[in-house]
Amino acid sequence: MKYVLLICDDETDSPTNEELAADPVHQAWEADLERRGAELAGERLRPVVDATTVRVRDGETLVSDGPFAETKDFVGGIVIVECANLDEAIEIAAGHPYARRGGVEIRPVWG
């Protein structure tokens, strides 16, 4: 079954791509995904300051800068994994370094 892991974190204290690449915990997590053959796709997202939100209300398109949420935690990346079941997805999410500093939301993919 496919799951999307939404990697959530407080962007005010987010590591750089270089710091992530050098982080042994992140390296171990990526090695675990490779060993499982689980990762299908994944990308780190630009900060929310670069986001644009689009809504349509009563036929009018409303465009605003950034997200429409009052929170410090934002989705900073996604990972799509193929797992046997939710338990395996939970194991994978628990191993992600951001599970220790932010959170990882798991969503099953319609299919």
PDB file of N, CA and C in Angstrom:
ATOM      1  N   MET A   1       0.841  -1.173   0.000  1.00  0.00           N
ATOM      2  CA  MET A   1       0.000   0.000   0.000  1.00  0.00           C
ATOM      3  C   MET A   1       0.884   1.233   0.000  1.00  0.00           C
ATOM      4  N   LYS A   2       0.444   2.271  -0.690  1.00  0.00           N
ATOM      5  CA  LYS A   2       1.201   3.523  -0.731  1.00  0.00           C
ATOM      6  C   LYS A   2       0.743   4.454   0.389  1.00  0.00           C
ATOM      7  N   TYR A   3       1.744   5.100   0.974  1.00  0.00           N
ATOM      8  CA  TYR A   3       1.497   6.107   2.003  1.00  0.00           C
ATOM      9  C   TYR A   3       2.317   7.347   1.674  1.00  0.00           C
ATOM     10  N   VAL A   4       1.768   8.503   2.029  1.00  0.00           N
ATOM     11  CA  VAL A   4       2.526   9.750   1.941  1.00  0.00           C
ATOM     12  C   VAL A   4       2.883  10.151   3.362  1.00  0.00           C
ATOM     13  N   LEU A   5       4.158  10.431   3.564  1.00  0.00           N
ATOM     14  CA  LEU A   5       4.622  10.942   4.848  1.00  0.00           C
ATOM     15  C   LEU A   5       4.769  12.449   4.697  1.00  0.00           C
ATOM     16  N   LEU A   6       4.008  13.201   5.471  1.00  0.00           N
ATOM     17  CA  LEU A   6       4.114  14.660   5.472  1.00  0.00           C
ATOM     18  C   LEU A   6       5.076  15.036   6.587  1.00  0.00           C
ATOM     19  N   ILE A   7       6.211  15.582   6.202  1.00  0.00           N
ATOM     20  CA  ILE A   7       7.266  15.912   7.154  1.00  0.00           C
ATOM     21  C   ILE A   7       7.017  17.326   7.666  1.00  0.00           C
ATOM     22  N   CYS A   8       6.676  17.444   8.948  1.00  0.00           N
ATOM     23  CA  CYS A   8       6.286  18.734   9.529  1.00  0.00           C
ATOM     24  C   CYS A   8       7.346  19.199  10.525  1.00  0.00           C
ATOM     25  N   ASP A   9       7.594  20.513  10.503  1.00  0.00           N
ATOM     26  CA  ASP A   9       8.633  21.054  11.365  1.00  0.00           C
ATOM     27  C   ASP A   9       8.405  22.544  11.567  1.00  0.00           C
ATOM     28  N   ASP A  10       9.045  23.096  12.559  1.00  0.00           N
ATOM     29  CA  ASP A  10       9.075  24.535  12.801  1.00  0.00           C
ATOM     30  C   ASP A  10      10.170  25.114  11.905  1.00  0.00           C
ATOM     31  N   GLU A  11       9.786  25.881  10.909  1.00  0.00           N
ATOM     32  CA  GLU A  11      10.749  26.378   9.922  1.00  0.00           C
ATOM     33  C   GLU A  11      11.760  27.368  10.488  1.00  0.00           C
ATOM     34  N   THR A  12      11.509  27.904  11.665  1.00  0.00           N
ATOM     35  CA  THR A  12      12.441  28.890  12.211  1.00  0.00           C
ATOM     36  C   THR A  12      13.745  28.245  12.658  1.00  0.00           C
ATOM     37  N   ASP A  13      13.754  26.917  12.775  1.00  0.00           N
ATOM     38  CA  ASP A  13      14.940  26.207  13.245  1.00  0.00           C
ATOM     39  C   ASP A  13      15.240  24.999  12.354  1.00  0.00           C
ATOM     40  N   SER A  14      15.000  25.141  11.070  1.00  0.00           N
ATOM     41  CA  SER A  14      15.147  24.021  10.151  1.00  0.00           C
ATOM     42  C   SER A  14      16.584  23.896   9.659  1.00  0.00           C
ATOM     43  N   PRO A  15      17.129  22.668   9.599  1.00  0.00           N
ATOM     44  CA  PRO A  15      18.498  22.501   9.111  1.00  0.00           C
ATOM     45  C   PRO A  15      18.589  22.753   7.608  1.00  0.00           C
ATOM     46  N   THR A  16      19.763  23.081   7.143  1.00  0.00           N
ATOM     47  CA  THR A  16      20.001  23.271   5.718  1.00  0.00           C
ATOM     48  C   THR A  16      20.053  21.900   5.039  1.00  0.00           C
ATOM     49  N   ASN A  17      19.996  21.896   3.706  1.00  0.00           N
ATOM     50  CA  ASN A  17      20.129  20.637   2.969  1.00  0.00           C
ATOM     51  C   ASN A  17      21.475  19.983   3.245  1.00  0.00           C
ATOM     52  N   GLU A  18      22.514  20.803   3.383  1.00  0.00           N
ATOM     53  CA  GLU A  18      23.852  20.276   3.663  1.00  0.00           C
ATOM     54  C   GLU A  18      23.900  19.625   5.039  1.00  0.00           C
ATOM     55  N   GLU A  19      23.268  20.269   6.032  1.00  0.00           N
ATOM     56  CA  GLU A  19      23.234  19.695   7.375  1.00  0.00           C
ATOM     57  C   GLU A  19      22.463  18.374   7.387  1.00  0.00           C
ATOM     58  N   LEU A  20      21.354  18.320   6.645  1.00  0.00           N
ATOM     59  CA  LEU A  20      20.602  17.071   6.553  1.00  0.00           C
ATOM     60  C   LEU A  20      21.437  15.964   5.929  1.00  0.00           C
ATOM     61  N   ALA A  21      22.135  16.291   4.843  1.00  0.00           N
ATOM     62  CA  ALA A  21      22.956  15.293   4.144  1.00  0.00           C
ATOM     63  C   ALA A  21      24.060  14.749   5.041  1.00  0.00           C
ATOM     64  N   ALA A  22      24.560  15.565   5.967  1.00  0.00           N
ATOM     65  CA  ALA A  22      25.648  15.158   6.851  1.00  0.00           C
ATOM     66  C   ALA A  22      25.148  14.511   8.153  1.00  0.00           C
ATOM     67  N   ASP A  23      23.855  14.568   8.408  1.00  0.00           N
ATOM     68  CA  ASP A  23      23.287  14.051   9.652  1.00  0.00           C
ATOM     69  C   ASP A  23      23.259  12.521   9.646  1.00  0.00           C
ATOM     70  N   PRO A  24      23.959  11.875  10.595  1.00  0.00           N
ATOM     71  CA  PRO A  24      23.992  10.409  10.616  1.00  0.00           C
ATOM     72  C   PRO A  24      22.608   9.780  10.795  1.00  0.00           C
ATOM     73  N   VAL A  25      21.716  10.439  11.538  1.00  0.00           N
ATOM     74  CA  VAL A  25      20.366   9.895  11.732  1.00  0.00           C
ATOM     75  C   VAL A  25      19.611   9.917  10.403  1.00  0.00           C
ATOM     76  N   HIS A  26      19.737  11.004   9.662  1.00  0.00           N
ATOM     77  CA  HIS A  26      19.072  11.104   8.359  1.00  0.00           C
ATOM     78  C   HIS A  26      19.665  10.097   7.377  1.00  0.00           C
ATOM     79  N   GLN A  27      20.977   9.935   7.403  1.00  0.00           N
ATOM     80  CA  GLN A  27      21.631   8.944   6.537  1.00  0.00           C
ATOM     81  C   GLN A  27      21.144   7.534   6.858  1.00  0.00           C
ATOM     82  N   ALA A  28      21.011   7.227   8.136  1.00  0.00           N
ATOM     83  CA  ALA A  28      20.545   5.898   8.555  1.00  0.00           C
ATOM     84  C   ALA A  28      19.097   5.681   8.116  1.00  0.00           C
ATOM     85  N   TRP A  29      18.275   6.723   8.208  1.00  0.00           N
ATOM     86  CA  TRP A  29      16.880   6.616   7.781  1.00  0.00           C
ATOM     87  C   TRP A  29      16.798   6.342   6.283  1.00  0.00           C
ATOM     88  N   GLU A  30      17.586   7.070   5.495  1.00  0.00           N
ATOM     89  CA  GLU A  30      17.595   6.844   4.048  1.00  0.00           C
ATOM     90  C   GLU A  30      18.101   5.436   3.712  1.00  0.00           C
ATOM     91  N   ALA A  31      19.093   4.949   4.440  1.00  0.00           N
ATOM     92  CA  ALA A  31      19.603   3.597   4.218  1.00  0.00           C
ATOM     93  C   ALA A  31      18.528   2.558   4.543  1.00  0.00           C
ATOM     94  N   ASP A  32      17.732   2.813   5.596  1.00  0.00           N
ATOM     95  CA  ASP A  32      16.647   1.899   5.955  1.00  0.00           C
ATOM     96  C   ASP A  32      15.594   1.850   4.845  1.00  0.00           C
ATOM     97  N   LEU A  33      15.250   3.015   4.282  1.00  0.00           N
ATOM     98  CA  LEU A  33      14.295   3.038   3.169  1.00  0.00           C
ATOM     99  C   LEU A  33      14.819   2.232   1.988  1.00  0.00           C
ATOM    100  N   GLU A  34      16.098   2.411   1.689  1.00  0.00           N
ATOM    101  CA  GLU A  34      16.699   1.695   0.569  1.00  0.00           C
ATOM    102  C   GLU A  34      16.697   0.187   0.831  1.00  0.00           C
ATOM    103  N   ARG A  35      17.036  -0.203   2.054  1.00  0.00           N
ATOM    104  CA  ARG A  35      17.044  -1.624   2.419  1.00  0.00           C
ATOM    105  C   ARG A  35      15.654  -2.233   2.260  1.00  0.00           C
ATOM    106  N   ARG A  36      14.629  -1.488   2.650  1.00  0.00           N
ATOM    107  CA  ARG A  36      13.248  -1.965   2.544  1.00  0.00           C
ATOM    108  C   ARG A  36      12.734  -1.918   1.105  1.00  0.00           C
ATOM    109  N   GLY A  37      13.383  -1.090   0.270  1.00  0.00           N
ATOM    110  CA  GLY A  37      12.853  -0.859  -1.077  1.00  0.00           C
ATOM    111  C   GLY A  37      11.541  -0.100  -1.018  1.00  0.00           C
ATOM    112  N   ALA A  38      11.401   0.775  -0.039  1.00  0.00           N
ATOM    113  CA  ALA A  38      10.115   1.406   0.255  1.00  0.00           C
ATOM    114  C   ALA A  38       9.904   2.758  -0.415  1.00  0.00           C
ATOM    115  N   GLU A  39      10.966   3.544  -0.608  1.00  0.00           N
ATOM    116  CA  GLU A  39      10.762   4.909  -1.094  1.00  0.00           C
ATOM    117  C   GLU A  39      10.424   4.907  -2.576  1.00  0.00           C
ATOM    118  N   LEU A  40       9.345   5.603  -2.900  1.00  0.00           N
ATOM    119  CA  LEU A  40       8.939   5.767  -4.283  1.00  0.00           C
ATOM    120  C   LEU A  40       9.292   7.155  -4.792  1.00  0.00           C
ATOM    121  N   ALA A  41       9.137   8.153  -3.923  1.00  0.00           N
ATOM    122  CA  ALA A  41       9.442   9.538  -4.290  1.00  0.00           C
ATOM    123  C   ALA A  41       9.517  10.362  -3.023  1.00  0.00           C
ATOM    124  N   GLY A  42      10.172  11.507  -3.125  1.00  0.00           N
ATOM    125  CA  GLY A  42      10.237  12.407  -1.987  1.00  0.00           C
ATOM    126  C   GLY A  42      10.943  13.686  -2.364  1.00  0.00           C
ATOM    127  N   GLU A  43      10.529  14.761  -1.736  1.00  0.00           N
ATOM    128  CA  GLU A  43      11.139  16.060  -1.982  1.00  0.00           C
ATOM    129  C   GLU A  43      11.004  16.930  -0.748  1.00  0.00           C
ATOM    130  N   ARG A  44      12.010  17.738  -0.536  1.00  0.00           N
ATOM    131  CA  ARG A  44      11.941  18.772   0.490  1.00  0.00           C
ATOM    132  C   ARG A  44      11.284  19.987  -0.149  1.00  0.00           C
ATOM    133  N   LEU A  45      10.440  20.651   0.600  1.00  0.00           N
ATOM    134  CA  LEU A  45       9.722  21.814   0.075  1.00  0.00           C
ATOM    135  C   LEU A  45      10.403  23.114   0.486  1.00  0.00           C
ATOM    136  N   ARG A  46      10.237  24.138  -0.343  1.00  0.00           N
ATOM    137  CA  ARG A  46      10.751  25.466  -0.017  1.00  0.00           C
ATOM    138  C   ARG A  46       9.974  25.985   1.197  1.00  0.00           C
ATOM    139  N   PRO A  47      10.495  26.993   1.894  1.00  0.00           N
ATOM    140  CA  PRO A  47       9.813  27.549   3.078  1.00  0.00           C
ATOM    141  C   PRO A  47       8.441  28.140   2.723  1.00  0.00           C
ATOM    142  N   VAL A  48       7.598  28.275   3.735  1.00  0.00           N
ATOM    143  CA  VAL A  48       6.245  28.786   3.519  1.00  0.00           C
ATOM    144  C   VAL A  48       6.238  30.209   2.985  1.00  0.00           C
ATOM    145  N   VAL A  49       7.306  30.957   3.198  1.00  0.00           N
ATOM    146  CA  VAL A  49       7.366  32.316   2.666  1.00  0.00           C
ATOM    147  C   VAL A  49       7.272  32.295   1.134  1.00  0.00           C
ATOM    148  N   ASP A  50       7.624  31.170   0.512  1.00  0.00           N
ATOM    149  CA  ASP A  50       7.556  31.018  -0.936  1.00  0.00           C
ATOM    150  C   ASP A  50       6.240  30.404  -1.406  1.00  0.00           C
ATOM    151  N   ALA A  51       5.344  30.109  -0.485  1.00  0.00           N
ATOM    152  CA  ALA A  51       4.084  29.434  -0.828  1.00  0.00           C
ATOM    153  C   ALA A  51       3.035  30.417  -1.340  1.00  0.00           C
ATOM    154  N   THR A  52       2.120  29.888  -2.117  1.00  0.00           N
ATOM    155  CA  THR A  52       0.944  30.619  -2.585  1.00  0.00           C
ATOM    156  C   THR A  52      -0.259  29.725  -2.340  1.00  0.00           C
ATOM    157  N   THR A  53      -1.305  30.287  -1.765  1.00  0.00           N
ATOM    158  CA  THR A  53      -2.525  29.535  -1.488  1.00  0.00           C
ATOM    159  C   THR A  53      -3.619  30.031  -2.420  1.00  0.00           C
ATOM    160  N   VAL A  54      -4.339  29.099  -3.042  1.00  0.00           N
ATOM    161  CA  VAL A  54      -5.424  29.429  -3.964  1.00  0.00           C
ATOM    162  C   VAL A  54      -6.717  28.825  -3.426  1.00  0.00           C
ATOM    163  N   ARG A  55      -7.756  29.653  -3.378  1.00  0.00           N
ATOM    164  CA  ARG A  55      -9.089  29.213  -2.985  1.00  0.00           C
ATOM    165  C   ARG A  55     -10.083  29.802  -3.970  1.00  0.00           C
ATOM    166  N   VAL A  56     -11.155  29.083  -4.230  1.00  0.00           N
ATOM    167  CA  VAL A  56     -12.231  29.618  -5.051  1.00  0.00           C
ATOM    168  C   VAL A  56     -13.474  29.663  -4.179  1.00  0.00           C
ATOM    169  N   ARG A  57     -14.050  30.846  -4.036  1.00  0.00           N
ATOM    170  CA  ARG A  57     -15.258  31.052  -3.238  1.00  0.00           C
ATOM    171  C   ARG A  57     -16.266  31.819  -4.079  1.00  0.00           C
ATOM    172  N   ASP A  58     -17.439  31.244  -4.208  1.00  0.00           N
ATOM    173  CA  ASP A  58     -18.511  31.861  -5.001  1.00  0.00           C
ATOM    174  C   ASP A  58     -18.028  32.247  -6.393  1.00  0.00           C
ATOM    175  N   GLY A  59     -17.226  31.382  -7.018  1.00  0.00           N
ATOM    176  CA  GLY A  59     -16.746  31.615  -8.374  1.00  0.00           C
ATOM    177  C   GLY A  59     -15.583  32.584  -8.476  1.00  0.00           C
ATOM    178  N   GLU A  60     -15.131  33.140  -7.363  1.00  0.00           N
ATOM    179  CA  GLU A  60     -14.010  34.087  -7.375  1.00  0.00           C
ATOM    180  C   GLU A  60     -12.738  33.384  -6.894  1.00  0.00           C
ATOM    181  N   THR A  61     -11.660  33.532  -7.657  1.00  0.00           N
ATOM    182  CA  THR A  61     -10.382  32.955  -7.289  1.00  0.00           C
ATOM    183  C   THR A  61      -9.659  33.910  -6.346  1.00  0.00           C
ATOM    184  N   LEU A  62      -9.319  33.398  -5.172  1.00  0.00           N
ATOM    185  CA  LEU A  62      -8.615  34.190  -4.161  1.00  0.00           C
ATOM    186  C   LEU A  62      -7.201  33.634  -4.041  1.00  0.00           C
ATOM    187  N   VAL A  63      -6.217  34.493  -4.206  1.00  0.00           N
ATOM    188  CA  VAL A  63      -4.815  34.098  -4.141  1.00  0.00           C
ATOM    189  C   VAL A  63      -4.161  34.871  -3.004  1.00  0.00           C
ATOM    190  N   SER A  64      -3.450  34.138  -2.127  1.00  0.00           N
ATOM    191  CA  SER A  64      -2.747  34.807  -1.033  1.00  0.00           C
ATOM    192  C   SER A  64      -1.345  34.225  -0.902  1.00  0.00           C
ATOM    193  N   ASP A  65      -0.441  35.028  -0.384  1.00  0.00           N
ATOM    194  CA  ASP A  65       0.924  34.577  -0.134  1.00  0.00           C
ATOM    195  C   ASP A  65       0.942  33.697   1.101  1.00  0.00           C
ATOM    196  N   GLY A  66       1.730  32.652   1.039  1.00  0.00           N
ATOM    197  CA  GLY A  66       1.912  31.787   2.196  1.00  0.00           C
ATOM    198  C   GLY A  66       0.716  30.905   2.457  1.00  0.00           C
ATOM    199  N   PRO A  67       0.813  30.111   3.502  1.00  0.00           N
ATOM    200  CA  PRO A  67      -0.293  29.219   3.876  1.00  0.00           C
ATOM    201  C   PRO A  67      -1.348  29.984   4.650  1.00  0.00           C
ATOM    202  N   PHE A  68      -2.495  29.394   4.776  1.00  0.00           N
ATOM    203  CA  PHE A  68      -3.577  30.004   5.538  1.00  0.00           C
ATOM    204  C   PHE A  68      -3.703  29.259   6.852  1.00  0.00           C
ATOM    205  N   ALA A  69      -2.631  29.266   7.623  1.00  0.00           N
ATOM    206  CA  ALA A  69      -2.626  28.560   8.905  1.00  0.00           C
ATOM    207  C   ALA A  69      -1.842  29.378   9.913  1.00  0.00           C
ATOM    208  N   GLU A  70      -2.326  29.391  11.136  1.00  0.00           N
ATOM    209  CA  GLU A  70      -1.639  30.106  12.208  1.00  0.00           C
ATOM    210  C   GLU A  70      -0.952  29.079  13.100  1.00  0.00           C
ATOM    211  N   THR A  71       0.193  28.601  12.647  1.00  0.00           N
ATOM    212  CA  THR A  71       0.931  27.590  13.385  1.00  0.00           C
ATOM    213  C   THR A  71       2.410  27.714  13.062  1.00  0.00           C
ATOM    214  N   LYS A  72       3.244  27.219  13.934  1.00  0.00           N
ATOM    215  CA  LYS A  72       4.683  27.223  13.658  1.00  0.00           C
ATOM    216  C   LYS A  72       5.090  26.016  12.825  1.00  0.00           C
ATOM    217  N   ASP A  73       4.344  24.913  12.957  1.00  0.00           N
ATOM    218  CA  ASP A  73       4.687  23.698  12.222  1.00  0.00           C
ATOM    219  C   ASP A  73       4.055  23.711  10.834  1.00  0.00           C
ATOM    220  N   PHE A  74       4.873  23.510   9.818  1.00  0.00           N
ATOM    221  CA  PHE A  74       4.414  23.479   8.448  1.00  0.00           C
ATOM    222  C   PHE A  74       4.973  22.253   7.757  1.00  0.00           C
ATOM    223  N   VAL A  75       4.302  21.814   6.700  1.00  0.00           N
ATOM    224  CA  VAL A  75       4.802  20.693   5.913  1.00  0.00           C
ATOM    225  C   VAL A  75       6.047  21.168   5.182  1.00  0.00           C
ATOM    226  N   GLY A  76       7.164  20.528   5.472  1.00  0.00           N
ATOM    227  CA  GLY A  76       8.434  20.913   4.874  1.00  0.00           C
ATOM    228  C   GLY A  76       8.912  19.938   3.817  1.00  0.00           C
ATOM    229  N   GLY A  77       8.197  18.835   3.660  1.00  0.00           N
ATOM    230  CA  GLY A  77       8.571  17.855   2.656  1.00  0.00           C
ATOM    231  C   GLY A  77       7.598  16.707   2.644  1.00  0.00           C
ATOM    232  N   ILE A  78       7.695  15.907   1.591  1.00  0.00           N
ATOM    233  CA  ILE A  78       6.864  14.718   1.490  1.00  0.00           C
ATOM    234  C   ILE A  78       7.729  13.544   1.069  1.00  0.00           C
ATOM    235  N   VAL A  79       7.328  12.377   1.488  1.00  0.00           N
ATOM    236  CA  VAL A  79       7.956  11.134   1.055  1.00  0.00           C
ATOM    237  C   VAL A  79       6.820  10.171   0.747  1.00  0.00           C
ATOM    238  N   ILE A  80       6.870   9.560  -0.424  1.00  0.00           N
ATOM    239  CA  ILE A  80       5.879   8.548  -0.785  1.00  0.00           C
ATOM    240  C   ILE A  80       6.559   7.192  -0.656  1.00  0.00           C
ATOM    241  N   VAL A  81       5.954   6.330   0.140  1.00  0.00           N
ATOM    242  CA  VAL A  81       6.538   5.013   0.391  1.00  0.00           C
ATOM    243  C   VAL A  81       5.537   3.915   0.046  1.00  0.00           C
ATOM    244  N   GLU A  82       6.064   2.780  -0.292  1.00  0.00           N
ATOM    245  CA  GLU A  82       5.262   1.571  -0.516  1.00  0.00           C
ATOM    246  C   GLU A  82       5.539   0.656   0.660  1.00  0.00           C
ATOM    247  N   CYS A  83       4.497   0.307   1.397  1.00  0.00           N
ATOM    248  CA  CYS A  83       4.647  -0.504   2.604  1.00  0.00           C
ATOM    249  C   CYS A  83       3.667  -1.665   2.581  1.00  0.00           C
ATOM    250  N   ALA A  84       3.979  -2.669   3.353  1.00  0.00           N
ATOM    251  CA  ALA A  84       3.083  -3.812   3.475  1.00  0.00           C
ATOM    252  C   ALA A  84       1.796  -3.413   4.195  1.00  0.00           C
ATOM    253  N   ASN A  85       1.930  -2.498   5.178  1.00  0.00           N
ATOM    254  CA  ASN A  85       0.774  -2.115   5.984  1.00  0.00           C
ATOM    255  C   ASN A  85       1.100  -0.845   6.770  1.00  0.00           C
ATOM    256  N   LEU A  86       0.123  -0.371   7.534  1.00  0.00           N
ATOM    257  CA  LEU A  86       0.306   0.840   8.330  1.00  0.00           C
ATOM    258  C   LEU A  86       1.407   0.674   9.370  1.00  0.00           C
ATOM    259  N   ASP A  87       1.538  -0.505   9.941  1.00  0.00           N
ATOM    260  CA  ASP A  87       2.591  -0.725  10.944  1.00  0.00           C
ATOM    261  C   ASP A  87       3.973  -0.446  10.364  1.00  0.00           C
ATOM    262  N   GLU A  88       4.226  -0.896   9.134  1.00  0.00           N
ATOM    263  CA  GLU A  88       5.522  -0.625   8.512  1.00  0.00           C
ATOM    264  C   GLU A  88       5.682   0.867   8.227  1.00  0.00           C
ATOM    265  N   ALA A  89       4.605   1.528   7.804  1.00  0.00           N
ATOM    266  CA  ALA A  89       4.672   2.973   7.572  1.00  0.00           C
ATOM    267  C   ALA A  89       4.995   3.714   8.867  1.00  0.00           C
ATOM    268  N   ILE A  90       4.439   3.253   9.968  1.00  0.00           N
ATOM    269  CA  ILE A  90       4.719   3.861  11.277  1.00  0.00           C
ATOM    270  C   ILE A  90       6.188   3.657  11.652  1.00  0.00           C
ATOM    271  N   GLU A  91       6.727   2.465  11.405  1.00  0.00           N
ATOM    272  CA  GLU A  91       8.150   2.212  11.677  1.00  0.00           C
ATOM    273  C   GLU A  91       9.026   3.171  10.874  1.00  0.00           C
ATOM    274  N   ILE A  92       8.693   3.340   9.601  1.00  0.00           N
ATOM    275  CA  ILE A  92       9.473   4.230   8.737  1.00  0.00           C
ATOM    276  C   ILE A  92       9.361   5.671   9.219  1.00  0.00           C
ATOM    277  N   ALA A  93       8.152   6.108   9.536  1.00  0.00           N
ATOM    278  CA  ALA A  93       7.944   7.481  10.008  1.00  0.00           C
ATOM    279  C   ALA A  93       8.672   7.724  11.325  1.00  0.00           C
ATOM    280  N   ALA A  94       8.649   6.750  12.212  1.00  0.00           N
ATOM    281  CA  ALA A  94       9.313   6.897  13.512  1.00  0.00           C
ATOM    282  C   ALA A  94      10.824   7.029  13.361  1.00  0.00           C
ATOM    283  N   GLY A  95      11.376   6.469  12.288  1.00  0.00           N
ATOM    284  CA  GLY A  95      12.806   6.568  12.059  1.00  0.00           C
ATOM    285  C   GLY A  95      13.251   7.875  11.440  1.00  0.00           C
ATOM    286  N   HIS A  96      12.304   8.649  10.908  1.00  0.00           N
ATOM    287  CA  HIS A  96      12.680   9.928  10.280  1.00  0.00           C
ATOM    288  C   HIS A  96      13.149  10.910  11.354  1.00  0.00           C
ATOM    289  N   PRO A  97      14.258  11.618  11.090  1.00  0.00           N
ATOM    290  CA  PRO A  97      14.783  12.551  12.098  1.00  0.00           C
ATOM    291  C   PRO A  97      13.777  13.622  12.525  1.00  0.00           C
ATOM    292  N   TYR A  98      12.900  14.026  11.641  1.00  0.00           N
ATOM    293  CA  TYR A  98      11.945  15.075  11.986  1.00  0.00           C
ATOM    294  C   TYR A  98      10.853  14.578  12.930  1.00  0.00           C
ATOM    295  N   ALA A  99      10.722  13.278  13.086  1.00  0.00           N
ATOM    296  CA  ALA A  99       9.783  12.760  14.077  1.00  0.00           C
ATOM    297  C   ALA A  99      10.229  13.148  15.484  1.00  0.00           C
ATOM    298  N   ARG A 100      11.533  13.453  15.640  1.00  0.00           N
ATOM    299  CA  ARG A 100      12.083  13.844  16.941  1.00  0.00           C
ATOM    300  C   ARG A 100      12.037  15.345  17.170  1.00  0.00           C
ATOM    301  N   ARG A 101      11.874  16.128  16.114  1.00  0.00           N
ATOM    302  CA  ARG A 101      11.901  17.586  16.269  1.00  0.00           C
ATOM    303  C   ARG A 101      10.601  18.245  15.853  1.00  0.00           C
ATOM    304  N   GLY A 102       9.804  17.573  15.049  1.00  0.00           N
ATOM    305  CA  GLY A 102       8.524  18.084  14.571  1.00  0.00           C
ATOM    306  C   GLY A 102       7.519  16.954  14.615  1.00  0.00           C
ATOM    307  N   GLY A 103       7.097  16.518  13.455  1.00  0.00           N
ATOM    308  CA  GLY A 103       6.176  15.393  13.385  1.00  0.00           C
ATOM    309  C   GLY A 103       6.124  14.856  11.966  1.00  0.00           C
ATOM    310  N   VAL A 104       5.672  13.633  11.829  1.00  0.00           N
ATOM    311  CA  VAL A 104       5.487  13.015  10.526  1.00  0.00           C
ATOM    312  C   VAL A 104       4.061  12.488  10.474  1.00  0.00           C
ATOM    313  N   GLU A 105       3.261  13.081   9.597  1.00  0.00           N
ATOM    314  CA  GLU A 105       1.878  12.643   9.421  1.00  0.00           C
ATOM    315  C   GLU A 105       1.847  11.598   8.315  1.00  0.00           C
ATOM    316  N   ILE A 106       1.156  10.497   8.558  1.00  0.00           N
ATOM    317  CA  ILE A 106       1.055   9.417   7.581  1.00  0.00           C
ATOM    318  C   ILE A 106      -0.344   9.454   6.966  1.00  0.00           C
ATOM    319  N   ARG A 107      -0.387   9.472   5.626  1.00  0.00           N
ATOM    320  CA  ARG A 107      -1.670   9.430   4.941  1.00  0.00           C
ATOM    321  C   ARG A 107      -1.675   8.314   3.909  1.00  0.00           C
ATOM    322  N   PRO A 108      -2.647   7.400   3.961  1.00  0.00           N
ATOM    323  CA  PRO A 108      -2.751   6.400   2.902  1.00  0.00           C
ATOM    324  C   PRO A 108      -3.184   7.077   1.597  1.00  0.00           C
ATOM    325  N   VAL A 109      -2.715   6.528   0.486  1.00  0.00           N
ATOM    326  CA  VAL A 109      -3.059   7.048  -0.839  1.00  0.00           C
ATOM    327  C   VAL A 109      -4.279   6.297  -1.345  1.00  0.00           C
ATOM    328  N   TRP A 110      -5.251   7.025  -1.904  1.00  0.00           N
ATOM    329  CA  TRP A 110      -6.393   6.362  -2.533  1.00  0.00           C
ATOM    330  C   TRP A 110      -5.876   5.494  -3.641  1.00  0.00           C
ATOM    331  N   GLY A 111      -6.396   4.302  -3.772  1.00  0.00           N
ATOM    332  CA  GLY A 111      -5.917   3.490  -4.869  1.00  0.00           C
ATOM    333  C   GLY A 111      -6.614   2.189  -5.036  1.00  0.00           C
TER     334      GLY A 111
END
